[in-house]
Amino acid sequence: SLETILAARAEAMGVEISRGFGVESFEQSDEGVSVCAGGETFRGHWLV
């Protein structure tokens, strides 16, 4: 129930949630982080 409520709030606020995409590896530089997940690559300035 808690996860359902938090997911609904996150999506209503504009958070993108990609399920079935577990992080496999990543590389970071001074500018950002490149993450490999579910066979695809995603880029961000920070990774948590």
PDB file of all heavy atoms in Angstrom:
ATOM      1  N   SER A   1       0.823  -1.198   0.000  1.00  0.00           N
ATOM      2  CA  SER A   1       0.000   0.000   0.000  1.00  0.00           C
ATOM      3  C   SER A   1       0.863   1.256   0.000  1.00  0.00           C
ATOM      4  O   SER A   1       0.601   2.215  -0.748  1.00  0.00           O
ATOM      5  CB  SER A   1      -0.922  -0.002   1.229  1.00  0.00           C
ATOM      6  OG  SER A   1      -1.619   1.218   1.342  1.00  0.00           O
ATOM      7  N   LEU A   2       1.920   1.257   0.810  1.00  0.00           N
ATOM      8  CA  LEU A   2       2.807   2.412   0.869  1.00  0.00           C
ATOM      9  C   LEU A   2       3.463   2.669  -0.480  1.00  0.00           C
ATOM     10  O   LEU A   2       3.506   3.813  -0.955  1.00  0.00           O
ATOM     11  CB  LEU A   2       3.874   2.184   1.947  1.00  0.00           C
ATOM     12  CG  LEU A   2       4.936   3.275   2.088  1.00  0.00           C
ATOM     13  CD1 LEU A   2       4.296   4.604   2.477  1.00  0.00           C
ATOM     14  CD2 LEU A   2       5.995   2.871   3.107  1.00  0.00           C
ATOM     15  N   GLU A   3       3.964   1.618  -1.116  1.00  0.00           N
ATOM     16  CA  GLU A   3       4.604   1.787  -2.416  1.00  0.00           C
ATOM     17  C   GLU A   3       3.613   2.274  -3.466  1.00  0.00           C
ATOM     18  O   GLU A   3       3.964   3.105  -4.316  1.00  0.00           O
ATOM     19  CB  GLU A   3       5.235   0.466  -2.868  1.00  0.00           C
ATOM     20  CG  GLU A   3       6.502   0.120  -2.125  1.00  0.00           C
ATOM     21  CD  GLU A   3       7.241  -1.037  -2.762  1.00  0.00           C
ATOM     22  OE1 GLU A   3       6.947  -1.367  -3.933  1.00  0.00           O
ATOM     23  OE2 GLU A   3       8.107  -1.615  -2.089  1.00  0.00           O
ATOM     24  N   THR A   4       2.387   1.791  -3.413  1.00  0.00           N
ATOM     25  CA  THR A   4       1.364   2.222  -4.375  1.00  0.00           C
ATOM     26  C   THR A   4       1.090   3.711  -4.230  1.00  0.00           C
ATOM     27  O   THR A   4       0.994   4.444  -5.222  1.00  0.00           O
ATOM     28  CB  THR A   4       0.066   1.424  -4.168  1.00  0.00           C
ATOM     29  OG1 THR A   4       0.329   0.031  -4.403  1.00  0.00           O
ATOM     30  CG2 THR A   4      -1.024   1.895  -5.117  1.00  0.00           C
ATOM     31  N   ILE A   5       0.985   4.173  -2.992  1.00  0.00           N
ATOM     32  CA  ILE A   5       0.709   5.588  -2.729  1.00  0.00           C
ATOM     33  C   ILE A   5       1.880   6.456  -3.184  1.00  0.00           C
ATOM     34  O   ILE A   5       1.695   7.500  -3.838  1.00  0.00           O
ATOM     35  CB  ILE A   5       0.413   5.801  -1.240  1.00  0.00           C
ATOM     36  CG1 ILE A   5      -0.926   5.153  -0.866  1.00  0.00           C
ATOM     37  CG2 ILE A   5       0.402   7.292  -0.885  1.00  0.00           C
ATOM     38  CD1 ILE A   5      -1.181   5.057   0.620  1.00  0.00           C
ATOM     39  N   LEU A   6       3.098   6.034  -2.871  1.00  0.00           N
ATOM     40  CA  LEU A   6       4.269   6.825  -3.255  1.00  0.00           C
ATOM     41  C   LEU A   6       4.467   6.824  -4.767  1.00  0.00           C
ATOM     42  O   LEU A   6       4.849   7.850  -5.349  1.00  0.00           O
ATOM     43  CB  LEU A   6       5.513   6.279  -2.554  1.00  0.00           C
ATOM     44  CG  LEU A   6       5.581   6.492  -1.046  1.00  0.00           C
ATOM     45  CD1 LEU A   6       6.809   5.806  -0.455  1.00  0.00           C
ATOM     46  CD2 LEU A   6       5.602   7.981  -0.698  1.00  0.00           C
ATOM     47  N   ALA A   7       4.191   5.695  -5.415  1.00  0.00           N
ATOM     48  CA  ALA A   7       4.320   5.643  -6.881  1.00  0.00           C
ATOM     49  C   ALA A   7       3.304   6.556  -7.551  1.00  0.00           C
ATOM     50  O   ALA A   7       3.616   7.260  -8.520  1.00  0.00           O
ATOM     51  CB  ALA A   7       4.164   4.203  -7.370  1.00  0.00           C
ATOM     52  N   ALA A   8       2.076   6.551  -7.021  1.00  0.00           N
ATOM     53  CA  ALA A   8       1.036   7.413  -7.588  1.00  0.00           C
ATOM     54  C   ALA A   8       1.408   8.883  -7.410  1.00  0.00           C
ATOM     55  O   ALA A   8       1.223   9.697  -8.331  1.00  0.00           O
ATOM     56  CB  ALA A   8      -0.308   7.115  -6.921  1.00  0.00           C
ATOM     57  N   ARG A   9       1.929   9.238  -6.251  1.00  0.00           N
ATOM     58  CA  ARG A   9       2.351  10.626  -6.025  1.00  0.00           C
ATOM     59  C   ARG A   9       3.497  10.990  -6.959  1.00  0.00           C
ATOM     60  O   ARG A   9       3.506  12.085  -7.546  1.00  0.00           O
ATOM     61  CB  ARG A   9       2.764  10.802  -4.557  1.00  0.00           C
ATOM     62  CG  ARG A   9       3.435  12.147  -4.232  1.00  0.00           C
ATOM     63  CD  ARG A   9       2.533  13.349  -4.468  1.00  0.00           C
ATOM     64  NE  ARG A   9       1.422  13.369  -3.543  1.00  0.00           N
ATOM     65  CZ  ARG A   9       1.434  14.006  -2.364  1.00  0.00           C
ATOM     66  NH1 ARG A   9       2.509  14.674  -1.995  1.00  0.00           N
ATOM     67  NH2 ARG A   9       0.372  14.003  -1.589  1.00  0.00           N
ATOM     68  N   ALA A  10       4.478  10.094  -7.084  1.00  0.00           N
ATOM     69  CA  ALA A  10       5.620  10.383  -7.944  1.00  0.00           C
ATOM     70  C   ALA A  10       5.196  10.606  -9.392  1.00  0.00           C
ATOM     71  O   ALA A  10       5.616  11.571 -10.045  1.00  0.00           O
ATOM     72  CB  ALA A  10       6.635   9.243  -7.851  1.00  0.00           C
ATOM     73  N   GLU A  11       4.349   9.709  -9.900  1.00  0.00           N
ATOM     74  CA  GLU A  11       3.919   9.837 -11.288  1.00  0.00           C
ATOM     75  C   GLU A  11       3.070  11.080 -11.499  1.00  0.00           C
ATOM     76  O   GLU A  11       3.164  11.739 -12.540  1.00  0.00           O
ATOM     77  CB  GLU A  11       3.168   8.580 -11.710  1.00  0.00           C
ATOM     78  CG  GLU A  11       4.081   7.362 -11.834  1.00  0.00           C
ATOM     79  CD  GLU A  11       3.331   6.088 -12.163  1.00  0.00           C
ATOM     80  OE1 GLU A  11       2.169   5.954 -11.709  1.00  0.00           O
ATOM     81  OE2 GLU A  11       3.899   5.223 -12.863  1.00  0.00           O
ATOM     82  N   ALA A  12       2.248  11.423 -10.515  1.00  0.00           N
ATOM     83  CA  ALA A  12       1.431  12.633 -10.620  1.00  0.00           C
ATOM     84  C   ALA A  12       2.305  13.886 -10.654  1.00  0.00           C
ATOM     85  O   ALA A  12       1.924  14.902 -11.245  1.00  0.00           O
ATOM     86  CB  ALA A  12       0.446  12.702  -9.454  1.00  0.00           C
ATOM     87  N   MET A  13       3.474  13.802 -10.028  1.00  0.00           N
ATOM     88  CA  MET A  13       4.392  14.941  -9.996  1.00  0.00           C
ATOM     89  C   MET A  13       5.289  15.001 -11.224  1.00  0.00           C
ATOM     90  O   MET A  13       6.052  15.961 -11.393  1.00  0.00           O
ATOM     91  CB  MET A  13       5.256  14.874  -8.739  1.00  0.00           C
ATOM     92  CG  MET A  13       4.486  15.019  -7.434  1.00  0.00           C
ATOM     93  SD  MET A  13       5.554  14.863  -5.975  1.00  0.00           S
ATOM     94  CE  MET A  13       6.471  16.404  -6.055  1.00  0.00           C
ATOM     95  N   GLY A  14       5.231  13.964 -12.075  1.00  0.00           N
ATOM     96  CA  GLY A  14       6.029  13.983 -13.290  1.00  0.00           C
ATOM     97  C   GLY A  14       7.283  13.128 -13.251  1.00  0.00           C
ATOM     98  O   GLY A  14       8.125  13.220 -14.154  1.00  0.00           O
ATOM     99  N   VAL A  15       7.413  12.277 -12.239  1.00  0.00           N
ATOM    100  CA  VAL A  15       8.540  11.345 -12.199  1.00  0.00           C
ATOM    101  C   VAL A  15       8.312  10.250 -13.235  1.00  0.00           C
ATOM    102  O   VAL A  15       7.204   9.723 -13.366  1.00  0.00           O
ATOM    103  CB  VAL A  15       8.671  10.711 -10.789  1.00  0.00           C
ATOM    104  CG1 VAL A  15       9.732   9.611 -10.791  1.00  0.00           C
ATOM    105  CG2 VAL A  15       8.995  11.781  -9.759  1.00  0.00           C
ATOM    106  N   GLU A  16       9.340   9.898 -13.971  1.00  0.00           N
ATOM    107  CA  GLU A  16       9.271   8.772 -14.907  1.00  0.00           C
ATOM    108  C   GLU A  16       9.745   7.510 -14.194  1.00  0.00           C
ATOM    109  O   GLU A  16      10.813   7.508 -13.571  1.00  0.00           O
ATOM    110  CB  GLU A  16      10.137   9.040 -16.138  1.00  0.00           C
ATOM    111  CG  GLU A  16       9.636  10.185 -17.008  1.00  0.00           C
ATOM    112  CD  GLU A  16      10.471  10.352 -18.257  1.00  0.00           C
ATOM    113  OE1 GLU A  16      10.858   9.313 -18.843  1.00  0.00           O
ATOM    114  OE2 GLU A  16      10.756  11.503 -18.642  1.00  0.00           O
ATOM    115  N   ILE A  17       8.957   6.461 -14.263  1.00  0.00           N
ATOM    116  CA  ILE A  17       9.305   5.190 -13.636  1.00  0.00           C
ATOM    117  C   ILE A  17       9.385   4.126 -14.715  1.00  0.00           C
ATOM    118  O   ILE A  17       8.395   3.851 -15.403  1.00  0.00           O
ATOM    119  CB  ILE A  17       8.273   4.789 -12.563  1.00  0.00           C
ATOM    120  CG1 ILE A  17       8.135   5.883 -11.506  1.00  0.00           C
ATOM    121  CG2 ILE A  17       8.667   3.465 -11.913  1.00  0.00           C
ATOM    122  CD1 ILE A  17       7.054   5.608 -10.471  1.00  0.00           C
ATOM    123  N   SER A  18      10.552   3.538 -14.894  1.00  0.00           N
ATOM    124  CA  SER A  18      10.754   2.471 -15.881  1.00  0.00           C
ATOM    125  C   SER A  18      10.950   1.160 -15.144  1.00  0.00           C
ATOM    126  O   SER A  18      11.987   0.954 -14.487  1.00  0.00           O
ATOM    127  CB  SER A  18      11.971   2.774 -16.766  1.00  0.00           C
ATOM    128  OG  SER A  18      11.735   3.910 -17.573  1.00  0.00           O
ATOM    129  N   ARG A  19       9.952   0.286 -15.227  1.00  0.00           N
ATOM    130  CA  ARG A  19      10.030  -1.011 -14.547  1.00  0.00           C
ATOM    131  C   ARG A  19      10.588  -2.066 -15.495  1.00  0.00           C
ATOM    132  O   ARG A  19      10.384  -2.014 -16.700  1.00  0.00           O
ATOM    133  CB  ARG A  19       8.652  -1.408 -14.024  1.00  0.00           C
ATOM    134  CG  ARG A  19       8.064  -0.371 -13.070  1.00  0.00           C
ATOM    135  CD  ARG A  19       6.838  -0.879 -12.333  1.00  0.00           C
ATOM    136  NE  ARG A  19       6.260   0.147 -11.469  1.00  0.00           N
ATOM    137  CZ  ARG A  19       6.697   0.421 -10.243  1.00  0.00           C
ATOM    138  NH1 ARG A  19       7.703  -0.280  -9.746  1.00  0.00           N
ATOM    139  NH2 ARG A  19       6.132   1.362  -9.521  1.00  0.00           N
ATOM    140  N   GLY A  20      11.287  -3.031 -14.904  1.00  0.00           N
ATOM    141  CA  GLY A  20      11.965  -4.037 -15.714  1.00  0.00           C
ATOM    142  C   GLY A  20      13.316  -3.559 -16.201  1.00  0.00           C
ATOM    143  O   GLY A  20      13.879  -4.144 -17.137  1.00  0.00           O
ATOM    144  N   PHE A  21      13.854  -2.510 -15.571  1.00  0.00           N
ATOM    145  CA  PHE A  21      15.145  -1.950 -15.966  1.00  0.00           C
ATOM    146  C   PHE A  21      16.060  -1.878 -14.742  1.00  0.00           C
ATOM    147  O   PHE A  21      16.230  -0.830 -14.134  1.00  0.00           O
ATOM    148  CB  PHE A  21      14.979  -0.549 -16.577  1.00  0.00           C
ATOM    149  CG  PHE A  21      14.379  -0.543 -17.949  1.00  0.00           C
ATOM    150  CD1 PHE A  21      12.999  -0.541 -18.094  1.00  0.00           C
ATOM    151  CD2 PHE A  21      15.173  -0.559 -19.077  1.00  0.00           C
ATOM    152  CE1 PHE A  21      12.419  -0.542 -19.355  1.00  0.00           C
ATOM    153  CE2 PHE A  21      14.603  -0.557 -20.344  1.00  0.00           C
ATOM    154  CZ  PHE A  21      13.226  -0.550 -20.489  1.00  0.00           C
ATOM    155  N   GLY A  22      16.613  -3.032 -14.378  1.00  0.00           N
ATOM    156  CA  GLY A  22      17.563  -3.069 -13.282  1.00  0.00           C
ATOM    157  C   GLY A  22      18.925  -2.559 -13.722  1.00  0.00           C
ATOM    158  O   GLY A  22      19.401  -2.882 -14.823  1.00  0.00           O
ATOM    159  N   VAL A  23      19.560  -1.749 -12.893  1.00  0.00           N
ATOM    160  CA  VAL A  23      20.878  -1.212 -13.233  1.00  0.00           C
ATOM    161  C   VAL A  23      21.893  -2.346 -13.301  1.00  0.00           C
ATOM    162  O   VAL A  23      21.981  -3.183 -12.395  1.00  0.00           O
ATOM    163  CB  VAL A  23      21.318  -0.153 -12.202  1.00  0.00           C
ATOM    164  CG1 VAL A  23      22.777   0.251 -12.418  1.00  0.00           C
ATOM    165  CG2 VAL A  23      20.420   1.069 -12.285  1.00  0.00           C
ATOM    166  N   GLU A  24      22.649  -2.371 -14.387  1.00  0.00           N
ATOM    167  CA  GLU A  24      23.661  -3.406 -14.598  1.00  0.00           C
ATOM    168  C   GLU A  24      25.070  -2.861 -14.404  1.00  0.00           C
ATOM    169  O   GLU A  24      25.945  -3.553 -13.880  1.00  0.00           O
ATOM    170  CB  GLU A  24      23.506  -3.985 -16.004  1.00  0.00           C
ATOM    171  CG  GLU A  24      22.142  -4.642 -16.234  1.00  0.00           C
ATOM    172  CD  GLU A  24      21.768  -4.728 -17.701  1.00  0.00           C
ATOM    173  OE1 GLU A  24      22.591  -4.320 -18.550  1.00  0.00           O
ATOM    174  OE2 GLU A  24      20.649  -5.176 -18.009  1.00  0.00           O
ATOM    175  N   SER A  25      25.293  -1.635 -14.828  1.00  0.00           N
ATOM    176  CA  SER A  25      26.607  -1.000 -14.693  1.00  0.00           C
ATOM    177  C   SER A  25      26.441   0.495 -14.943  1.00  0.00           C
ATOM    178  O   SER A  25      25.377   0.948 -15.388  1.00  0.00           O
ATOM    179  CB  SER A  25      27.614  -1.587 -15.680  1.00  0.00           C
ATOM    180  OG  SER A  25      27.194  -1.336 -17.016  1.00  0.00           O
ATOM    181  N   PHE A  26      27.490   1.246 -14.652  1.00  0.00           N
ATOM    182  CA  PHE A  26      27.454   2.680 -14.955  1.00  0.00           C
ATOM    183  C   PHE A  26      28.866   3.224 -15.051  1.00  0.00           C
ATOM    184  O   PHE A  26      29.829   2.616 -14.561  1.00  0.00           O
ATOM    185  CB  PHE A  26      26.655   3.457 -13.897  1.00  0.00           C
ATOM    186  CG  PHE A  26      27.287   3.506 -12.528  1.00  0.00           C
ATOM    187  CD1 PHE A  26      28.253   4.450 -12.212  1.00  0.00           C
ATOM    188  CD2 PHE A  26      26.915   2.595 -11.552  1.00  0.00           C
ATOM    189  CE1 PHE A  26      28.838   4.487 -10.957  1.00  0.00           C
ATOM    190  CE2 PHE A  26      27.486   2.621 -10.294  1.00  0.00           C
ATOM    191  CZ  PHE A  26      28.461   3.572  -9.990  1.00  0.00           C
ATOM    192  N   GLU A  27      28.964   4.368 -15.691  1.00  0.00           N
ATOM    193  CA  GLU A  27      30.216   5.115 -15.757  1.00  0.00           C
ATOM    194  C   GLU A  27      29.917   6.560 -15.401  1.00  0.00           C
ATOM    195  O   GLU A  27      28.889   7.107 -15.803  1.00  0.00           O
ATOM    196  CB  GLU A  27      30.823   5.049 -17.166  1.00  0.00           C
ATOM    197  CG  GLU A  27      31.259   3.653 -17.586  1.00  0.00           C
ATOM    198  CD  GLU A  27      31.865   3.647 -18.988  1.00  0.00           C
ATOM    199  OE1 GLU A  27      31.876   4.741 -19.620  1.00  0.00           O
ATOM    200  OE2 GLU A  27      32.309   2.579 -19.442  1.00  0.00           O
ATOM    201  N   GLN A  28      30.817   7.162 -14.637  1.00  0.00           N
ATOM    202  CA  GLN A  28      30.615   8.561 -14.294  1.00  0.00           C
ATOM    203  C   GLN A  28      31.804   9.403 -14.738  1.00  0.00           C
ATOM    204  O   GLN A  28      32.931   8.926 -14.838  1.00  0.00           O
ATOM    205  CB  GLN A  28      30.360   8.745 -12.804  1.00  0.00           C
ATOM    206  CG  GLN A  28      31.514   8.464 -11.883  1.00  0.00           C
ATOM    207  CD  GLN A  28      31.263   9.014 -10.479  1.00  0.00           C
ATOM    208  OE1 GLN A  28      30.886  10.185 -10.306  1.00  0.00           O
ATOM    209  NE2 GLN A  28      31.444   8.165  -9.468  1.00  0.00           N
ATOM    210  N   SER A  29      31.498  10.667 -15.007  1.00  0.00           N
ATOM    211  CA  SER A  29      32.521  11.638 -15.387  1.00  0.00           C
ATOM    212  C   SER A  29      32.273  12.910 -14.592  1.00  0.00           C
ATOM    213  O   SER A  29      31.386  12.969 -13.749  1.00  0.00           O
ATOM    214  CB  SER A  29      32.445  11.934 -16.886  1.00  0.00           C
ATOM    215  OG  SER A  29      31.209  12.586 -17.194  1.00  0.00           O
ATOM    216  N   ASP A  30      33.033  13.945 -14.884  1.00  0.00           N
ATOM    217  CA  ASP A  30      32.828  15.217 -14.195  1.00  0.00           C
ATOM    218  C   ASP A  30      31.488  15.842 -14.552  1.00  0.00           C
ATOM    219  O   ASP A  30      30.966  16.679 -13.817  1.00  0.00           O
ATOM    220  CB  ASP A  30      33.952  16.201 -14.554  1.00  0.00           C
ATOM    221  CG  ASP A  30      35.294  15.769 -13.982  1.00  0.00           C
ATOM    222  OD1 ASP A  30      35.293  14.961 -13.024  1.00  0.00           O
ATOM    223  OD2 ASP A  30      36.326  16.229 -14.497  1.00  0.00           O
ATOM    224  N   GLU A  31      30.922  15.436 -15.695  1.00  0.00           N
ATOM    225  CA  GLU A  31      29.683  16.052 -16.167  1.00  0.00           C
ATOM    226  C   GLU A  31      28.431  15.248 -15.819  1.00  0.00           C
ATOM    227  O   GLU A  31      27.333  15.799 -15.756  1.00  0.00           O
ATOM    228  CB  GLU A  31      29.720  16.248 -17.689  1.00  0.00           C
ATOM    229  CG  GLU A  31      30.675  17.337 -18.160  1.00  0.00           C
ATOM    230  CD  GLU A  31      32.130  16.916 -18.054  1.00  0.00           C
ATOM    231  OE1 GLU A  31      32.417  15.726 -18.292  1.00  0.00           O
ATOM    232  OE2 GLU A  31      32.969  17.772 -17.699  1.00  0.00           O
ATOM    233  N   GLY A  32      28.563  13.934 -15.623  1.00  0.00           N
ATOM    234  CA  GLY A  32      27.366  13.168 -15.382  1.00  0.00           C
ATOM    235  C   GLY A  32      27.631  11.681 -15.252  1.00  0.00           C
ATOM    236  O   GLY A  32      28.770  11.234 -15.105  1.00  0.00           O
ATOM    237  N   VAL A  33      26.546  10.908 -15.358  1.00  0.00           N
ATOM    238  CA  VAL A  33      26.603   9.460 -15.178  1.00  0.00           C
ATOM    239  C   VAL A  33      25.849   8.799 -16.322  1.00  0.00           C
ATOM    240  O   VAL A  33      24.752   9.222 -16.686  1.00  0.00           O
ATOM    241  CB  VAL A  33      25.968   9.043 -13.836  1.00  0.00           C
ATOM    242  CG1 VAL A  33      26.147   7.545 -13.606  1.00  0.00           C
ATOM    243  CG2 VAL A  33      26.549   9.829 -12.676  1.00  0.00           C
ATOM    244  N   SER A  34      26.461   7.757 -16.881  1.00  0.00           N
ATOM    245  CA  SER A  34      25.828   6.968 -17.930  1.00  0.00           C
ATOM    246  C   SER A  34      25.529   5.586 -17.354  1.00  0.00           C
ATOM    247  O   SER A  34      26.442   4.895 -16.885  1.00  0.00           O
ATOM    248  CB  SER A  34      26.755   6.847 -19.142  1.00  0.00           C
ATOM    249  OG  SER A  34      26.179   6.048 -20.146  1.00  0.00           O
ATOM    250  N   VAL A  35      24.250   5.184 -17.389  1.00  0.00           N
ATOM    251  CA  VAL A  35      23.810   3.955 -16.730  1.00  0.00           C
ATOM    252  C   VAL A  35      23.301   2.962 -17.756  1.00  0.00           C
ATOM    253  O   VAL A  35      22.486   3.305 -18.628  1.00  0.00           O
ATOM    254  CB  VAL A  35      22.682   4.265 -15.709  1.00  0.00           C
ATOM    255  CG1 VAL A  35      22.128   2.974 -15.124  1.00  0.00           C
ATOM    256  CG2 VAL A  35      23.207   5.173 -14.606  1.00  0.00           C
ATOM    257  N   CYS A  36      23.763   1.710 -17.639  1.00  0.00           N
ATOM    258  CA  CYS A  36      23.247   0.623 -18.459  1.00  0.00           C
ATOM    259  C   CYS A  36      22.225  -0.143 -17.639  1.00  0.00           C
ATOM    260  O   CYS A  36      22.543  -0.654 -16.559  1.00  0.00           O
ATOM    261  CB  CYS A  36      24.375  -0.299 -18.896  1.00  0.00           C
ATOM    262  SG  CYS A  36      23.815  -1.699 -19.917  1.00  0.00           S
ATOM    263  N   ALA A  37      20.997  -0.223 -18.141  1.00  0.00           N
ATOM    264  CA  ALA A  37      19.918  -0.911 -17.414  1.00  0.00           C
ATOM    265  C   ALA A  37      18.974  -1.535 -18.426  1.00  0.00           C
ATOM    266  O   ALA A  37      18.517  -0.867 -19.356  1.00  0.00           O
ATOM    267  CB  ALA A  37      19.156   0.069 -16.515  1.00  0.00           C
ATOM    268  N   GLY A  38      18.683  -2.826 -18.256  1.00  0.00           N
ATOM    269  CA  GLY A  38      17.760  -3.505 -19.150  1.00  0.00           C
ATOM    270  C   GLY A  38      18.187  -3.470 -20.592  1.00  0.00           C
ATOM    271  O   GLY A  38      17.339  -3.448 -21.497  1.00  0.00           O
ATOM    272  N   GLY A  39      19.494  -3.456 -20.833  1.00  0.00           N
ATOM    273  CA  GLY A  39      20.002  -3.444 -22.203  1.00  0.00           C
ATOM    274  C   GLY A  39      19.980  -2.081 -22.863  1.00  0.00           C
ATOM    275  O   GLY A  39      20.312  -1.964 -24.045  1.00  0.00           O
ATOM    276  N   GLU A  40      19.584  -1.057 -22.139  1.00  0.00           N
ATOM    277  CA  GLU A  40      19.554   0.299 -22.692  1.00  0.00           C
ATOM    278  C   GLU A  40      20.478   1.206 -21.881  1.00  0.00           C
ATOM    279  O   GLU A  40      20.894   0.858 -20.770  1.00  0.00           O
ATOM    280  CB  GLU A  40      18.127   0.852 -22.685  1.00  0.00           C
ATOM    281  CG  GLU A  40      17.161   0.060 -23.551  1.00  0.00           C
ATOM    282  CD  GLU A  40      15.790   0.723 -23.628  1.00  0.00           C
ATOM    283  OE1 GLU A  40      15.722   1.946 -23.446  1.00  0.00           O
ATOM    284  OE2 GLU A  40      14.797  -0.004 -23.845  1.00  0.00           O
ATOM    285  N   THR A  41      20.766   2.365 -22.427  1.00  0.00           N
ATOM    286  CA  THR A  41      21.639   3.339 -21.759  1.00  0.00           C
ATOM    287  C   THR A  41      20.837   4.581 -21.394  1.00  0.00           C
ATOM    288  O   THR A  41      20.083   5.119 -22.226  1.00  0.00           O
ATOM    289  CB  THR A  41      22.818   3.728 -22.665  1.00  0.00           C
ATOM    290  OG1 THR A  41      23.591   2.562 -22.965  1.00  0.00           O
ATOM    291  CG2 THR A  41      23.713   4.743 -21.966  1.00  0.00           C
ATOM    292  N   PHE A  42      21.000   5.020 -20.176  1.00  0.00           N
ATOM    293  CA  PHE A  42      20.319   6.217 -19.674  1.00  0.00           C
ATOM    294  C   PHE A  42      21.368   7.173 -19.108  1.00  0.00           C
ATOM    295  O   PHE A  42      22.371   6.741 -18.527  1.00  0.00           O
ATOM    296  CB  PHE A  42      19.319   5.848 -18.574  1.00  0.00           C
ATOM    297  CG  PHE A  42      18.282   4.849 -19.007  1.00  0.00           C
ATOM    298  CD1 PHE A  42      18.524   3.484 -18.865  1.00  0.00           C
ATOM    299  CD2 PHE A  42      17.082   5.261 -19.573  1.00  0.00           C
ATOM    300  CE1 PHE A  42      17.571   2.551 -19.256  1.00  0.00           C
ATOM    301  CE2 PHE A  42      16.137   4.336 -19.975  1.00  0.00           C
ATOM    302  CZ  PHE A  42      16.379   2.981 -19.816  1.00  0.00           C
ATOM    303  N   ARG A  43      21.119   8.477 -19.289  1.00  0.00           N
ATOM    304  CA  ARG A  43      22.089   9.473 -18.847  1.00  0.00           C
ATOM    305  C   ARG A  43      21.459  10.463 -17.881  1.00  0.00           C
ATOM    306  O   ARG A  43      20.306  10.852 -18.047  1.00  0.00           O
ATOM    307  CB  ARG A  43      22.680  10.210 -20.050  1.00  0.00           C
ATOM    308  CG  ARG A  43      23.544   9.315 -20.936  1.00  0.00           C
ATOM    309  CD  ARG A  43      24.097  10.058 -22.144  1.00  0.00           C
ATOM    310  NE  ARG A  43      25.048   9.230 -22.876  1.00  0.00           N
ATOM    311  CZ  ARG A  43      24.713   8.288 -23.754  1.00  0.00           C
ATOM    312  NH1 ARG A  43      23.414   8.095 -24.034  1.00  0.00           N
ATOM    313  NH2 ARG A  43      25.632   7.574 -24.353  1.00  0.00           N
ATOM    314  N   GLY A  44      22.251  10.814 -16.906  1.00  0.00           N
ATOM    315  CA  GLY A  44      21.807  11.794 -15.925  1.00  0.00           C
ATOM    316  C   GLY A  44      22.995  12.537 -15.354  1.00  0.00           C
ATOM    317  O   GLY A  44      24.153  12.130 -15.506  1.00  0.00           O
ATOM    318  N   HIS A  45      22.709  13.632 -14.698  1.00  0.00           N
ATOM    319  CA  HIS A  45      23.794  14.393 -14.063  1.00  0.00           C
ATOM    320  C   HIS A  45      24.221  13.735 -12.749  1.00  0.00           C
ATOM    321  O   HIS A  45      25.382  13.856 -12.340  1.00  0.00           O
ATOM    322  CB  HIS A  45      23.341  15.827 -13.817  1.00  0.00           C
ATOM    323  CG  HIS A  45      23.088  16.606 -15.076  1.00  0.00           C
ATOM    324  ND1 HIS A  45      24.072  16.894 -15.985  1.00  0.00           N
ATOM    325  CD2 HIS A  45      21.942  17.144 -15.577  1.00  0.00           C
ATOM    326  CE1 HIS A  45      23.570  17.581 -16.998  1.00  0.00           C
ATOM    327  NE2 HIS A  45      22.268  17.738 -16.782  1.00  0.00           N
ATOM    328  N   TRP A  46      23.288  13.039 -12.101  1.00  0.00           N
ATOM    329  CA  TRP A  46      23.577  12.369 -10.834  1.00  0.00           C
ATOM    330  C   TRP A  46      22.874  11.022 -10.815  1.00  0.00           C
ATOM    331  O   TRP A  46      21.857  10.827 -11.483  1.00  0.00           O
ATOM    332  CB  TRP A  46      23.080  13.206  -9.643  1.00  0.00           C
ATOM    333  CG  TRP A  46      23.824  14.496  -9.473  1.00  0.00           C
ATOM    334  CD1 TRP A  46      23.637  15.645 -10.173  1.00  0.00           C
ATOM    335  CD2 TRP A  46      24.887  14.751  -8.555  1.00  0.00           C
ATOM    336  NE1 TRP A  46      24.519  16.611  -9.754  1.00  0.00           N
ATOM    337  CE2 TRP A  46      25.295  16.096  -8.753  1.00  0.00           C
ATOM    338  CE3 TRP A  46      25.530  13.991  -7.583  1.00  0.00           C
ATOM    339  CZ2 TRP A  46      26.311  16.682  -8.002  1.00  0.00           C
ATOM    340  CZ3 TRP A  46      26.543  14.580  -6.833  1.00  0.00           C
ATOM    341  CH2 TRP A  46      26.936  15.906  -7.047  1.00  0.00           C
ATOM    342  N   LEU A  47      23.410  10.106 -10.019  1.00  0.00           N
ATOM    343  CA  LEU A  47      22.815   8.780  -9.824  1.00  0.00           C
ATOM    344  C   LEU A  47      22.720   8.520  -8.324  1.00  0.00           C
ATOM    345  O   LEU A  47      23.702   8.713  -7.593  1.00  0.00           O
ATOM    346  CB  LEU A  47      23.675   7.702 -10.484  1.00  0.00           C
ATOM    347  CG  LEU A  47      23.324   6.235 -10.154  1.00  0.00           C
ATOM    348  CD1 LEU A  47      21.935   5.878 -10.678  1.00  0.00           C
ATOM    349  CD2 LEU A  47      24.392   5.295 -10.740  1.00  0.00           C
ATOM    350  N   VAL A  48      21.557   8.065  -7.886  1.00  0.00           N
ATOM    351  CA  VAL A  48      21.373   7.688  -6.485  1.00  0.00           C
ATOM    352  C   VAL A  48      20.977   6.215  -6.434  1.00  0.00           C
ATOM    353  O   VAL A  48      19.972   5.812  -7.026  1.00  0.00           O
ATOM    354  CB  VAL A  48      20.301   8.542  -5.782  1.00  0.00           C
ATOM    355  CG1 VAL A  48      20.229   8.166  -4.292  1.00  0.00           C
ATOM    356  CG2 VAL A  48      20.601  10.028  -5.926  1.00  0.00           C
TER     357      VAL A  48
END
